[in-house]
Amino acid sequence: HAGLQRYSTTAEIDAAFTAAADALGPQVGRRDLFVAVAGLSPAIRDGHTRFRHSDELAREAEDWPLLPLQVRVEGDRLHVVRDCSASGGLSGREVLAIQGIAASAIVRRVVALQPRDGWNETGPRYRLTRSFAFSEALARRKTIPSLEGETLHLREGSYPIELGDHDLGTRLARLDG
């Protein structure tokens, strides 16, 4: 990749590649390999770098459970734009937590894993707001370490979330992906 060290030093790039390799065990699945390779994007800091699924993984990804919400990322907050869950009725509410982890921590971590040029923050947030990109970013990773040291372990197909609303207060919901 030309200009690989434009925004990162050689030591930073080497450390990221070493960490990705160390995170992989001897028996690595396609999904875990993709997550490890895609996780290199923050170190590369080139918004044109993309990691695509193999055709096999793309077919497998069609069965990954998605959080059935289209959300808007505003700063470190998530607001439901469209609710596609069976129960419906969550549009307009703020997502406060997913599986007991503050939405703000999840947003910061998911944004940090998105491609960008340099330290640009607006591009990743914009891309995550489009369609179901945030839900897809969660589905690609079974485990998302947060910046505070907590880890989001996605339970396949089940998303307990806490929602907030100015008029109605907070509410817990369990959404199936």
N, C-alpha and C. Protein backbone atom coordinates (compact mmCIF):
# COMPACT_ATOMS: atom_id res chain seq x y z
N HIS A 1 0.85 -1.18 0.00
CA HIS A 1 0.00 0.00 0.00
C HIS A 1 0.89 1.23 0.00
N ALA A 2 0.78 2.04 -1.01
CA ALA A 2 1.58 3.27 -1.08
C ALA A 2 1.17 4.22 0.03
N GLY A 3 2.14 4.83 0.67
CA GLY A 3 1.85 5.80 1.72
C GLY A 3 1.31 5.19 2.99
N LEU A 4 1.63 3.94 3.25
CA LEU A 4 1.10 3.27 4.43
C LEU A 4 1.46 4.01 5.71
N GLN A 5 2.60 4.68 5.71
CA GLN A 5 3.03 5.42 6.90
C GLN A 5 2.68 6.91 6.83
N ARG A 6 1.71 7.27 6.01
CA ARG A 6 1.32 8.67 5.91
C ARG A 6 0.79 9.20 7.23
N TYR A 7 -0.04 8.42 7.91
CA TYR A 7 -0.65 8.86 9.17
C TYR A 7 -0.18 8.05 10.37
N SER A 8 0.51 6.96 10.14
CA SER A 8 0.99 6.09 11.22
C SER A 8 2.47 5.81 11.01
N THR A 9 3.16 5.60 12.10
CA THR A 9 4.58 5.26 12.00
C THR A 9 4.72 3.78 11.66
N THR A 10 5.90 3.41 11.21
CA THR A 10 6.17 2.00 10.92
C THR A 10 5.96 1.15 12.18
N ALA A 11 6.38 1.67 13.32
CA ALA A 11 6.21 0.93 14.58
C ALA A 11 4.72 0.72 14.89
N GLU A 12 3.89 1.72 14.67
CA GLU A 12 2.45 1.58 14.92
C GLU A 12 1.82 0.54 13.99
N ILE A 13 2.20 0.58 12.71
CA ILE A 13 1.67 -0.38 11.74
C ILE A 13 2.12 -1.79 12.11
N ASP A 14 3.42 -1.94 12.41
CA ASP A 14 3.94 -3.26 12.78
C ASP A 14 3.26 -3.79 14.04
N ALA A 15 3.04 -2.92 15.02
CA ALA A 15 2.39 -3.35 16.26
C ALA A 15 0.96 -3.81 15.99
N ALA A 16 0.24 -3.11 15.11
CA ALA A 16 -1.14 -3.49 14.79
C ALA A 16 -1.18 -4.85 14.08
N PHE A 17 -0.28 -5.06 13.13
CA PHE A 17 -0.25 -6.34 12.42
C PHE A 17 0.15 -7.47 13.37
N THR A 18 1.11 -7.22 14.26
CA THR A 18 1.52 -8.23 15.23
C THR A 18 0.37 -8.57 16.17
N ALA A 19 -0.33 -7.56 16.66
CA ALA A 19 -1.47 -7.79 17.56
C ALA A 19 -2.56 -8.59 16.86
N ALA A 20 -2.82 -8.28 15.59
CA ALA A 20 -3.84 -9.02 14.84
C ALA A 20 -3.42 -10.48 14.68
N ALA A 21 -2.16 -10.71 14.36
CA ALA A 21 -1.67 -12.08 14.19
C ALA A 21 -1.71 -12.84 15.51
N ASP A 22 -1.33 -12.16 16.60
CA ASP A 22 -1.32 -12.80 17.92
C ASP A 22 -2.73 -13.15 18.39
N ALA A 23 -3.72 -12.39 17.95
CA ALA A 23 -5.10 -12.63 18.38
C ALA A 23 -5.70 -13.87 17.72
N LEU A 24 -5.09 -14.32 16.65
CA LEU A 24 -5.60 -15.48 15.92
C LEU A 24 -4.99 -16.76 16.47
N GLY A 25 -5.82 -17.72 16.74
CA GLY A 25 -5.33 -19.01 17.21
C GLY A 25 -4.97 -19.90 16.04
N PRO A 26 -4.56 -21.13 16.33
CA PRO A 26 -4.17 -22.04 15.25
C PRO A 26 -5.36 -22.47 14.38
N GLN A 27 -6.53 -22.53 14.95
CA GLN A 27 -7.74 -22.89 14.19
C GLN A 27 -8.62 -21.66 14.07
N VAL A 28 -8.43 -20.88 13.06
CA VAL A 28 -9.16 -19.63 12.91
C VAL A 28 -10.23 -19.78 11.83
N GLY A 29 -11.44 -19.31 12.16
CA GLY A 29 -12.53 -19.35 11.20
C GLY A 29 -12.50 -18.13 10.29
N ARG A 30 -13.30 -18.19 9.23
CA ARG A 30 -13.34 -17.08 8.26
C ARG A 30 -13.77 -15.78 8.93
N ARG A 31 -14.78 -15.86 9.78
CA ARG A 31 -15.29 -14.65 10.42
C ARG A 31 -14.22 -14.01 11.31
N ASP A 32 -13.53 -14.83 12.11
CA ASP A 32 -12.50 -14.30 12.99
C ASP A 32 -11.33 -13.71 12.20
N LEU A 33 -10.97 -14.36 11.09
CA LEU A 33 -9.89 -13.82 10.25
C LEU A 33 -10.31 -12.48 9.67
N PHE A 34 -11.54 -12.40 9.17
CA PHE A 34 -12.01 -11.13 8.62
C PHE A 34 -11.99 -10.03 9.67
N VAL A 35 -12.46 -10.34 10.88
CA VAL A 35 -12.48 -9.35 11.95
C VAL A 35 -11.07 -8.88 12.28
N ALA A 36 -10.12 -9.82 12.32
CA ALA A 36 -8.73 -9.44 12.63
C ALA A 36 -8.15 -8.55 11.54
N VAL A 37 -8.38 -8.89 10.29
CA VAL A 37 -7.83 -8.09 9.18
C VAL A 37 -8.54 -6.74 9.11
N ALA A 38 -9.86 -6.74 9.23
CA ALA A 38 -10.60 -5.48 9.17
C ALA A 38 -10.23 -4.58 10.35
N GLY A 39 -9.82 -5.17 11.46
CA GLY A 39 -9.41 -4.40 12.62
C GLY A 39 -8.11 -3.64 12.42
N LEU A 40 -7.42 -3.88 11.31
CA LEU A 40 -6.18 -3.15 11.01
C LEU A 40 -6.46 -1.74 10.48
N SER A 41 -7.67 -1.51 10.04
CA SER A 41 -8.01 -0.21 9.45
C SER A 41 -7.68 0.99 10.33
N PRO A 42 -7.95 0.95 11.64
CA PRO A 42 -7.62 2.12 12.45
C PRO A 42 -6.12 2.45 12.45
N ALA A 43 -5.29 1.45 12.35
CA ALA A 43 -3.84 1.71 12.33
C ALA A 43 -3.40 2.26 10.98
N ILE A 44 -4.04 1.81 9.91
CA ILE A 44 -3.66 2.26 8.56
C ILE A 44 -4.12 3.69 8.33
N ARG A 45 -5.30 4.04 8.83
CA ARG A 45 -5.84 5.40 8.74
C ARG A 45 -5.94 5.92 7.30
N ASP A 46 -6.36 5.05 6.40
CA ASP A 46 -6.58 5.44 5.01
C ASP A 46 -8.02 5.10 4.68
N GLY A 47 -8.83 6.13 4.45
CA GLY A 47 -10.25 5.94 4.20
C GLY A 47 -10.57 5.16 2.95
N HIS A 48 -9.59 4.95 2.08
CA HIS A 48 -9.83 4.18 0.86
C HIS A 48 -9.53 2.70 1.04
N THR A 49 -9.00 2.33 2.19
CA THR A 49 -8.71 0.92 2.46
C THR A 49 -10.01 0.24 2.87
N ARG A 50 -10.34 -0.81 2.15
CA ARG A 50 -11.57 -1.55 2.45
C ARG A 50 -11.23 -3.03 2.55
N PHE A 51 -11.97 -3.70 3.39
CA PHE A 51 -11.81 -5.14 3.55
C PHE A 51 -13.14 -5.77 3.18
N ARG A 52 -13.12 -6.58 2.15
CA ARG A 52 -14.35 -7.22 1.68
C ARG A 52 -14.38 -8.67 2.12
N HIS A 53 -15.59 -9.15 2.38
CA HIS A 53 -15.79 -10.56 2.68
C HIS A 53 -15.45 -11.40 1.45
N SER A 54 -15.01 -12.61 1.68
CA SER A 54 -14.94 -13.57 0.58
C SER A 54 -16.38 -13.90 0.20
N ASP A 55 -16.58 -14.50 -0.96
CA ASP A 55 -17.94 -14.88 -1.36
C ASP A 55 -18.56 -15.84 -0.35
N GLU A 56 -17.76 -16.78 0.17
CA GLU A 56 -18.27 -17.73 1.16
C GLU A 56 -18.70 -17.02 2.43
N LEU A 57 -17.87 -16.10 2.91
CA LEU A 57 -18.19 -15.38 4.13
C LEU A 57 -19.38 -14.45 3.91
N ALA A 58 -19.50 -13.88 2.72
CA ALA A 58 -20.66 -13.02 2.42
C ALA A 58 -21.95 -13.82 2.50
N ARG A 59 -21.93 -15.07 2.00
CA ARG A 59 -23.12 -15.93 2.10
C ARG A 59 -23.41 -16.26 3.56
N GLU A 60 -22.35 -16.56 4.31
CA GLU A 60 -22.50 -16.86 5.73
C GLU A 60 -23.04 -15.64 6.49
N ALA A 61 -22.58 -14.45 6.10
CA ALA A 61 -22.97 -13.21 6.77
C ALA A 61 -24.46 -12.92 6.63
N GLU A 62 -25.08 -13.46 5.59
CA GLU A 62 -26.51 -13.25 5.42
C GLU A 62 -27.32 -13.82 6.57
N ASP A 63 -26.74 -14.78 7.30
CA ASP A 63 -27.44 -15.40 8.43
C ASP A 63 -27.03 -14.81 9.78
N TRP A 64 -26.09 -13.86 9.79
CA TRP A 64 -25.69 -13.25 11.06
C TRP A 64 -26.84 -12.40 11.58
N PRO A 65 -27.15 -12.53 12.84
CA PRO A 65 -28.26 -11.73 13.39
C PRO A 65 -27.86 -10.25 13.47
N LEU A 66 -28.74 -9.40 13.02
CA LEU A 66 -28.50 -7.96 13.09
C LEU A 66 -29.40 -7.35 14.15
N LEU A 67 -28.89 -6.35 14.83
CA LEU A 67 -29.74 -5.54 15.70
C LEU A 67 -30.78 -4.94 14.76
N PRO A 68 -32.06 -5.19 14.99
CA PRO A 68 -33.07 -4.80 14.01
C PRO A 68 -33.44 -3.31 14.07
N LEU A 69 -32.42 -2.48 14.22
CA LEU A 69 -32.65 -1.04 14.30
C LEU A 69 -31.73 -0.31 13.33
N GLN A 70 -32.28 0.66 12.66
CA GLN A 70 -31.44 1.61 11.93
C GLN A 70 -31.25 2.78 12.87
N VAL A 71 -30.00 3.15 13.11
CA VAL A 71 -29.73 4.19 14.11
C VAL A 71 -28.98 5.36 13.49
N ARG A 72 -29.11 6.49 14.14
CA ARG A 72 -28.33 7.67 13.79
C ARG A 72 -27.28 7.81 14.88
N VAL A 73 -26.02 7.96 14.45
CA VAL A 73 -24.92 8.17 15.38
C VAL A 73 -24.74 9.67 15.52
N GLU A 74 -24.99 10.19 16.71
CA GLU A 74 -24.83 11.62 16.99
C GLU A 74 -23.85 11.76 18.14
N GLY A 75 -22.62 12.14 17.83
CA GLY A 75 -21.59 12.17 18.85
C GLY A 75 -21.36 10.76 19.33
N ASP A 76 -21.54 10.52 20.62
CA ASP A 76 -21.41 9.18 21.19
C ASP A 76 -22.78 8.58 21.52
N ARG A 77 -23.82 9.13 20.92
CA ARG A 77 -25.17 8.69 21.21
C ARG A 77 -25.78 7.98 20.00
N LEU A 78 -26.73 7.09 20.28
CA LEU A 78 -27.46 6.36 19.24
C LEU A 78 -28.94 6.68 19.37
N HIS A 79 -29.54 7.06 18.26
CA HIS A 79 -30.99 7.29 18.23
C HIS A 79 -31.60 6.38 17.18
N VAL A 80 -32.72 5.75 17.52
CA VAL A 80 -33.40 4.84 16.61
C VAL A 80 -34.11 5.66 15.54
N VAL A 81 -33.73 5.40 14.29
CA VAL A 81 -34.38 6.06 13.15
C VAL A 81 -35.50 5.17 12.63
N ARG A 82 -35.23 3.87 12.61
CA ARG A 82 -36.21 2.92 12.08
C ARG A 82 -36.13 1.63 12.89
N ASP A 83 -37.26 1.17 13.35
CA ASP A 83 -37.35 -0.05 14.15
C ASP A 83 -37.94 -1.16 13.29
N CYS A 84 -37.14 -2.19 13.02
CA CYS A 84 -37.61 -3.32 12.22
C CYS A 84 -37.82 -4.57 13.06
N SER A 85 -37.91 -4.39 14.37
CA SER A 85 -38.14 -5.53 15.25
C SER A 85 -39.61 -5.96 15.15
N ALA A 86 -39.88 -7.14 15.65
CA ALA A 86 -41.25 -7.66 15.60
C ALA A 86 -42.21 -6.79 16.40
N SER A 87 -41.74 -6.23 17.51
CA SER A 87 -42.61 -5.41 18.36
C SER A 87 -42.78 -4.00 17.83
N GLY A 88 -41.76 -3.45 17.18
CA GLY A 88 -41.84 -2.10 16.64
C GLY A 88 -41.99 -1.04 17.72
N GLY A 89 -42.16 0.20 17.32
CA GLY A 89 -42.46 1.28 18.25
C GLY A 89 -41.28 1.94 18.94
N LEU A 90 -40.04 1.68 18.51
CA LEU A 90 -38.90 2.26 19.19
C LEU A 90 -38.29 3.45 18.46
N SER A 91 -38.81 3.77 17.30
CA SER A 91 -38.29 4.90 16.53
C SER A 91 -38.34 6.18 17.36
N GLY A 92 -37.27 6.96 17.27
CA GLY A 92 -37.19 8.22 17.99
C GLY A 92 -36.56 8.10 19.37
N ARG A 93 -36.43 6.90 19.88
CA ARG A 93 -35.87 6.71 21.22
C ARG A 93 -34.35 6.63 21.15
N GLU A 94 -33.72 6.94 22.25
CA GLU A 94 -32.27 6.85 22.34
C GLU A 94 -31.88 5.49 22.90
N VAL A 95 -30.89 4.85 22.29
CA VAL A 95 -30.35 3.59 22.82
C VAL A 95 -29.33 3.98 23.88
N LEU A 96 -29.57 3.58 25.12
CA LEU A 96 -28.68 3.92 26.23
C LEU A 96 -27.64 2.84 26.49
N ALA A 97 -28.02 1.57 26.26
CA ALA A 97 -27.10 0.46 26.51
C ALA A 97 -27.52 -0.74 25.67
N ILE A 98 -26.55 -1.55 25.31
CA ILE A 98 -26.78 -2.82 24.62
C ILE A 98 -26.08 -3.88 25.45
N GLN A 99 -26.83 -4.87 25.86
CA GLN A 99 -26.33 -5.95 26.72
C GLN A 99 -25.62 -5.40 27.96
N GLY A 100 -26.17 -4.32 28.50
CA GLY A 100 -25.65 -3.75 29.74
C GLY A 100 -24.44 -2.86 29.59
N ILE A 101 -23.96 -2.66 28.39
CA ILE A 101 -22.80 -1.80 28.16
C ILE A 101 -23.29 -0.49 27.56
N ALA A 102 -22.82 0.61 28.10
CA ALA A 102 -23.27 1.93 27.67
C ALA A 102 -23.10 2.10 26.16
N ALA A 103 -24.15 2.59 25.52
CA ALA A 103 -24.10 2.81 24.08
C ALA A 103 -22.95 3.73 23.70
N SER A 104 -22.65 4.71 24.55
CA SER A 104 -21.56 5.64 24.24
C SER A 104 -20.22 4.90 24.11
N ALA A 105 -19.98 3.90 24.97
CA ALA A 105 -18.75 3.12 24.89
C ALA A 105 -18.72 2.28 23.62
N ILE A 106 -19.87 1.71 23.26
CA ILE A 106 -19.95 0.91 22.04
C ILE A 106 -19.73 1.79 20.82
N VAL A 107 -20.37 2.95 20.80
CA VAL A 107 -20.22 3.87 19.66
C VAL A 107 -18.75 4.25 19.50
N ARG A 108 -18.10 4.63 20.59
CA ARG A 108 -16.69 5.04 20.48
C ARG A 108 -15.83 3.92 19.91
N ARG A 109 -16.10 2.68 20.34
CA ARG A 109 -15.29 1.56 19.86
C ARG A 109 -15.61 1.23 18.40
N VAL A 110 -16.88 1.19 18.04
CA VAL A 110 -17.24 0.88 16.66
C VAL A 110 -16.73 1.97 15.72
N VAL A 111 -16.85 3.23 16.12
CA VAL A 111 -16.32 4.33 15.29
C VAL A 111 -14.81 4.18 15.14
N ALA A 112 -14.12 3.81 16.22
CA ALA A 112 -12.66 3.66 16.16
C ALA A 112 -12.24 2.57 15.19
N LEU A 113 -13.09 1.58 14.95
CA LEU A 113 -12.75 0.48 14.06
C LEU A 113 -13.08 0.76 12.60
N GLN A 114 -13.65 1.92 12.29
CA GLN A 114 -14.06 2.23 10.92
C GLN A 114 -12.93 2.86 10.12
N PRO A 115 -12.91 2.62 8.79
CA PRO A 115 -11.90 3.25 7.94
C PRO A 115 -12.04 4.77 7.96
N ARG A 116 -10.92 5.45 7.84
CA ARG A 116 -10.92 6.92 7.82
C ARG A 116 -9.58 7.40 7.31
N ASP A 117 -9.55 8.63 6.86
CA ASP A 117 -8.29 9.28 6.53
C ASP A 117 -7.79 9.98 7.77
N GLY A 118 -6.58 9.64 8.20
CA GLY A 118 -6.01 10.29 9.37
C GLY A 118 -6.88 10.10 10.59
N TRP A 119 -7.24 11.22 11.21
CA TRP A 119 -8.02 11.17 12.46
C TRP A 119 -9.44 11.69 12.24
N ASN A 120 -9.92 11.64 11.01
CA ASN A 120 -11.25 12.10 10.65
C ASN A 120 -12.29 11.33 11.46
N GLU A 121 -13.20 12.06 12.08
CA GLU A 121 -14.27 11.45 12.88
C GLU A 121 -15.63 11.50 12.18
N THR A 122 -15.81 12.42 11.23
CA THR A 122 -17.13 12.57 10.63
C THR A 122 -17.45 11.48 9.62
N GLY A 123 -16.47 11.06 8.81
CA GLY A 123 -16.71 10.03 7.80
C GLY A 123 -17.21 8.74 8.41
N PRO A 124 -16.52 8.20 9.42
CA PRO A 124 -17.00 6.94 10.02
C PRO A 124 -18.39 7.07 10.62
N ARG A 125 -18.68 8.17 11.28
CA ARG A 125 -20.00 8.34 11.89
C ARG A 125 -21.08 8.44 10.81
N TYR A 126 -20.77 9.12 9.72
CA TYR A 126 -21.73 9.23 8.62
C TYR A 126 -22.01 7.84 8.03
N ARG A 127 -20.95 7.08 7.76
CA ARG A 127 -21.13 5.75 7.16
C ARG A 127 -21.92 4.82 8.09
N LEU A 128 -21.71 4.93 9.39
CA LEU A 128 -22.43 4.07 10.34
C LEU A 128 -23.91 4.41 10.41
N THR A 129 -24.28 5.63 10.05
CA THR A 129 -25.67 6.06 10.10
C THR A 129 -26.44 5.60 8.87
N ARG A 130 -25.74 5.34 7.79
CA ARG A 130 -26.41 4.92 6.56
C ARG A 130 -26.99 3.52 6.70
N SER A 131 -28.23 3.36 6.30
CA SER A 131 -28.92 2.08 6.30
C SER A 131 -28.74 1.36 7.63
N PHE A 132 -28.28 0.11 7.62
CA PHE A 132 -28.08 -0.65 8.84
C PHE A 132 -26.60 -0.88 9.10
N ALA A 133 -25.76 0.07 8.71
CA ALA A 133 -24.32 -0.09 8.81
C ALA A 133 -23.86 -0.30 10.24
N PHE A 134 -24.46 0.38 11.21
CA PHE A 134 -24.07 0.18 12.61
C PHE A 134 -24.38 -1.24 13.05
N SER A 135 -25.57 -1.72 12.73
CA SER A 135 -25.97 -3.09 13.08
C SER A 135 -25.06 -4.10 12.40
N GLU A 136 -24.69 -3.83 11.14
CA GLU A 136 -23.79 -4.73 10.43
C GLU A 136 -22.40 -4.72 11.07
N ALA A 137 -21.95 -3.56 11.53
CA ALA A 137 -20.64 -3.47 12.18
C ALA A 137 -20.65 -4.29 13.47
N LEU A 138 -21.76 -4.29 14.19
CA LEU A 138 -21.87 -5.14 15.40
C LEU A 138 -21.88 -6.61 15.03
N ALA A 139 -22.60 -6.96 13.97
CA ALA A 139 -22.75 -8.37 13.60
C ALA A 139 -21.44 -8.98 13.12
N ARG A 140 -20.59 -8.17 12.50
CA ARG A 140 -19.31 -8.70 12.01
C ARG A 140 -18.41 -9.15 13.14
N ARG A 141 -18.61 -8.58 14.31
CA ARG A 141 -17.74 -8.89 15.43
C ARG A 141 -18.56 -9.52 16.55
N LYS A 142 -18.20 -10.73 16.92
CA LYS A 142 -18.90 -11.36 18.04
C LYS A 142 -18.49 -10.69 19.35
N THR A 143 -17.28 -10.17 19.39
CA THR A 143 -16.76 -9.55 20.59
C THR A 143 -16.21 -8.18 20.25
N ILE A 144 -16.64 -7.15 20.97
CA ILE A 144 -16.16 -5.79 20.74
C ILE A 144 -15.63 -5.25 22.06
N PRO A 145 -14.30 -5.15 22.19
CA PRO A 145 -13.79 -4.56 23.42
C PRO A 145 -14.07 -3.06 23.41
N SER A 146 -14.51 -2.52 24.51
CA SER A 146 -14.77 -1.09 24.57
C SER A 146 -13.52 -0.37 25.02
N LEU A 147 -13.54 0.93 24.93
CA LEU A 147 -12.38 1.71 25.32
C LEU A 147 -12.20 1.72 26.84
N GLU A 148 -13.25 1.38 27.57
CA GLU A 148 -13.19 1.37 29.03
C GLU A 148 -12.81 0.01 29.58
N GLY A 149 -12.48 -0.94 28.72
CA GLY A 149 -12.07 -2.26 29.18
C GLY A 149 -13.20 -3.27 29.27
N GLU A 150 -14.47 -2.81 29.15
CA GLU A 150 -15.57 -3.76 29.13
C GLU A 150 -15.57 -4.43 27.76
N THR A 151 -16.19 -5.57 27.67
CA THR A 151 -16.27 -6.26 26.39
C THR A 151 -17.73 -6.57 26.09
N LEU A 152 -18.15 -6.29 24.89
CA LEU A 152 -19.49 -6.63 24.43
C LEU A 152 -19.40 -8.00 23.78
N HIS A 153 -19.99 -9.00 24.40
CA HIS A 153 -20.03 -10.33 23.83
C HIS A 153 -21.41 -10.48 23.21
N LEU A 154 -21.47 -10.44 21.90
CA LEU A 154 -22.76 -10.54 21.24
C LEU A 154 -23.31 -11.95 21.41
N ARG A 155 -24.50 -12.01 21.94
CA ARG A 155 -25.21 -13.28 22.05
C ARG A 155 -25.96 -13.45 20.74
N GLU A 156 -25.66 -14.49 20.05
CA GLU A 156 -26.24 -14.67 18.73
C GLU A 156 -27.76 -14.53 18.76
N GLY A 157 -28.23 -13.52 18.09
CA GLY A 157 -29.65 -13.36 17.89
C GLY A 157 -30.43 -12.65 18.97
N SER A 158 -29.79 -12.28 20.08
CA SER A 158 -30.52 -11.66 21.17
C SER A 158 -29.82 -10.38 21.60
N TYR A 159 -30.56 -9.29 21.63
CA TYR A 159 -30.00 -8.00 21.99
C TYR A 159 -30.82 -7.35 23.10
N PRO A 160 -30.47 -7.53 24.37
CA PRO A 160 -31.15 -6.76 25.41
C PRO A 160 -30.64 -5.32 25.34
N ILE A 161 -31.56 -4.38 25.22
CA ILE A 161 -31.16 -2.98 25.13
C ILE A 161 -31.95 -2.13 26.10
N GLU A 162 -31.33 -1.04 26.51
CA GLU A 162 -32.00 -0.06 27.35
C GLU A 162 -32.22 1.18 26.49
N LEU A 163 -33.44 1.68 26.53
CA LEU A 163 -33.81 2.82 25.71
C LEU A 163 -34.27 3.96 26.59
N GLY A 164 -34.06 5.17 26.11
CA GLY A 164 -34.50 6.34 26.84
C GLY A 164 -35.40 7.21 25.98
N ASP A 165 -36.29 7.91 26.64
CA ASP A 165 -37.22 8.82 25.97
C ASP A 165 -37.52 9.94 26.95
N HIS A 166 -37.52 11.18 26.46
CA HIS A 166 -37.76 12.33 27.34
C HIS A 166 -39.10 12.22 28.07
N ASP A 167 -40.13 11.78 27.36
CA ASP A 167 -41.47 11.73 27.94
C ASP A 167 -41.74 10.44 28.72
N LEU A 168 -41.16 9.33 28.26
CA LEU A 168 -41.51 8.04 28.83
C LEU A 168 -40.45 7.47 29.78
N GLY A 169 -39.32 8.12 29.93
CA GLY A 169 -38.26 7.60 30.80
C GLY A 169 -37.49 6.48 30.12
N THR A 170 -36.93 5.59 30.93
CA THR A 170 -36.15 4.49 30.35
C THR A 170 -36.98 3.22 30.31
N ARG A 171 -36.56 2.34 29.43
CA ARG A 171 -37.29 1.08 29.23
C ARG A 171 -36.30 0.03 28.75
N LEU A 172 -36.48 -1.20 29.18
CA LEU A 172 -35.67 -2.32 28.71
C LEU A 172 -36.45 -3.07 27.65
N ALA A 173 -35.73 -3.53 26.64
CA ALA A 173 -36.37 -4.33 25.58
C ALA A 173 -35.38 -5.42 25.16
N ARG A 174 -35.90 -6.53 24.70
CA ARG A 174 -35.06 -7.59 24.15
C ARG A 174 -35.47 -7.74 22.69
N LEU A 175 -34.49 -7.49 21.82
CA LEU A 175 -34.76 -7.57 20.39
C LEU A 175 -34.06 -8.77 19.80
N ASP A 176 -34.74 -9.50 18.96
CA ASP A 176 -34.15 -10.63 18.26
C ASP A 176 -33.67 -10.17 16.90
N GLY A 177 -32.45 -10.59 16.57
CA GLY A 177 -31.85 -10.22 15.28
C GLY A 177 -32.22 -11.18 14.21
